[in-house]
Amino acid sequence: MYSECSNCQSRVVSAVDQTCSDVQCYKCSTKTENRIKETHGTEINVKITAREKVDCTHQEMVSTLNSQLPEYKQHAYRVYHQQARLNEMKSQLSQNECILVIDFSENYVCRYASETKPL
C-alpha cells in the first residue's frame, strides 16, 4: 500500500479507451462560504466539501486518479489495520479494563490543532 515493494512500485492505472475525448465525472472540492450564524446573526466563514460534476478528457481523469491513488491506498491501509487492532484489543479486554478512543482529526479546526498530541 505504500508502493515500497518492487512488484508494485511503478504500477499505475492506464487509459484503456484513447478514442473517448470528453467524459463527465464527479470531483470533491473544498470551498469557503460566508454564512449567517442563526443564533447570533453574525457572519462566519465555513469550509464546505462538495461533489461537483466536471468535464474532462479520459486521459485527465486517469491522470487525476493516478495522482490521488497513492494517498488513498495508504489511508485505506491504515483504517483497515487500525480497526483490526481495535477489534483484537476489544476481544482481549478484562473485566477491569476499558478502551478510550480519542480522535485527533486533522480536519478539526481549533486553536489547539497545532499542539503536539501526547501518546
Protein backbone atom coordinates (compact mmCIF):
# COMPACT_ATOMS: atom_id res chain seq x y z
CA MET A 1 0.00 0.00 0.00
CA TYR A 2 2.99 2.31 0.34
CA SER A 3 4.39 1.24 -3.07
CA GLU A 4 7.67 0.18 -1.48
CA CYS A 5 7.97 -3.33 -2.92
CA SER A 6 9.48 -3.91 -6.35
CA ASN A 7 6.30 -5.61 -7.64
CA CYS A 8 4.02 -2.59 -7.34
CA GLN A 9 6.35 0.42 -7.19
CA SER A 10 5.68 1.54 -10.73
CA ARG A 11 2.11 0.30 -11.18
CA VAL A 12 -0.39 2.84 -12.49
CA VAL A 13 -3.87 2.75 -13.98
CA SER A 14 -3.64 3.13 -17.74
CA ALA A 15 -6.18 4.74 -20.04
CA VAL A 16 -7.79 1.90 -21.98
CA ASP A 17 -10.02 3.90 -24.31
CA GLN A 18 -7.92 6.56 -26.05
CA THR A 19 -10.73 7.46 -28.50
CA CYS A 20 -13.15 8.87 -25.93
CA SER A 21 -12.41 12.58 -25.77
CA ASP A 22 -14.76 14.05 -23.17
CA VAL A 23 -16.22 12.45 -20.07
CA GLN A 24 -18.17 13.73 -17.10
CA CYS A 25 -17.12 12.73 -13.63
CA TYR A 26 -17.53 13.93 -10.07
CA LYS A 27 -14.80 15.63 -8.10
CA CYS A 28 -14.79 16.60 -4.43
CA SER A 29 -13.61 20.11 -3.76
CA THR A 30 -13.40 22.23 -0.63
CA LYS A 31 -14.72 25.77 -0.73
CA THR A 32 -15.06 28.56 1.80
CA GLU A 33 -18.51 30.11 2.12
CA ASN A 34 -19.85 33.01 4.17
CA ARG A 35 -22.90 32.14 6.22
CA ILE A 36 -25.03 33.86 8.80
CA LYS A 37 -24.95 32.23 12.22
CA GLU A 38 -28.58 31.69 13.24
CA THR A 39 -28.07 32.16 16.98
CA HIS A 40 -26.20 35.48 16.83
CA GLY A 41 -26.88 36.73 13.31
CA THR A 42 -23.15 37.22 12.73
CA GLU A 43 -21.35 36.28 9.55
CA ILE A 44 -18.93 33.35 9.71
CA ASN A 45 -16.69 31.56 7.20
CA VAL A 46 -17.26 27.82 6.85
CA LYS A 47 -15.43 25.23 4.78
CA ILE A 48 -17.68 23.01 2.68
CA THR A 49 -16.63 19.88 0.81
CA ALA A 50 -18.96 19.34 -2.11
CA ARG A 51 -19.16 16.92 -5.01
CA GLU A 52 -19.11 18.70 -8.36
CA LYS A 53 -19.70 17.38 -11.84
CA VAL A 54 -16.75 18.26 -14.08
CA ASP A 55 -16.00 17.80 -17.77
CA CYS A 56 -12.57 16.41 -18.60
CA THR A 57 -10.83 14.14 -21.03
CA HIS A 58 -10.45 10.44 -20.36
CA GLN A 59 -6.70 10.92 -20.03
CA GLU A 60 -7.12 13.76 -17.47
CA MET A 61 -9.45 11.60 -15.38
CA VAL A 62 -6.99 8.68 -15.34
CA SER A 63 -4.11 11.06 -14.58
CA THR A 64 -6.02 12.52 -11.59
CA LEU A 65 -6.80 9.02 -10.36
CA ASN A 66 -3.13 8.03 -10.56
CA SER A 67 -2.05 11.14 -8.66
CA GLN A 68 -4.56 10.61 -5.83
CA LEU A 69 -4.40 6.81 -5.59
CA PRO A 70 -1.18 6.50 -3.52
CA GLU A 71 -2.55 8.71 -0.73
CA TYR A 72 -5.89 6.87 -0.75
CA LYS A 73 -4.21 3.43 -0.64
CA GLN A 74 -2.20 4.46 2.42
CA HIS A 75 -5.32 5.85 4.11
CA ALA A 76 -7.35 2.68 3.42
CA TYR A 77 -4.48 0.52 4.68
CA ARG A 78 -4.24 2.47 7.97
CA VAL A 79 -8.02 2.39 8.51
CA TYR A 80 -8.16 -1.37 7.97
CA HIS A 81 -5.25 -2.17 10.28
CA GLN A 82 -6.31 0.26 12.99
CA GLN A 83 -9.79 -1.27 13.02
CA ALA A 84 -8.35 -4.80 13.10
CA ARG A 85 -6.10 -3.87 16.04
CA LEU A 86 -9.00 -2.21 17.91
CA ASN A 87 -11.16 -5.32 17.44
CA GLU A 88 -8.31 -7.50 18.68
CA MET A 89 -7.87 -5.31 21.77
CA LYS A 90 -11.63 -5.37 22.47
CA SER A 91 -11.68 -9.15 22.35
CA GLN A 92 -8.87 -9.36 24.93
CA LEU A 93 -10.25 -6.87 27.49
CA SER A 94 -10.51 -7.98 31.08
CA GLN A 95 -13.35 -7.00 33.45
CA ASN A 96 -11.47 -4.05 34.96
CA GLU A 97 -10.21 -2.52 31.69
CA CYS A 98 -11.72 -0.20 29.09
CA ILE A 99 -10.72 1.27 25.76
CA LEU A 100 -10.82 5.01 25.25
CA VAL A 101 -10.80 6.16 21.63
CA ILE A 102 -9.80 9.78 21.03
CA ASP A 103 -9.92 11.21 17.53
CA PHE A 104 -7.23 13.81 16.89
CA SER A 105 -8.62 14.51 13.45
CA GLU A 106 -6.57 16.62 11.07
CA ASN A 107 -9.78 18.29 9.92
CA TYR A 108 -10.75 19.52 13.37
CA VAL A 109 -10.25 23.27 13.38
CA CYS A 110 -9.43 24.69 16.79
CA ARG A 111 -6.71 26.72 18.42
CA TYR A 112 -5.09 23.57 19.83
CA ALA A 113 -4.79 21.86 16.41
CA SER A 114 -1.09 22.72 16.07
CA GLU A 115 -0.13 21.40 19.51
CA THR A 116 1.70 18.13 19.93
CA LYS A 117 -0.61 15.28 20.89
CA PRO A 118 0.50 13.06 23.81
CA LEU A 119 0.80 9.35 23.11
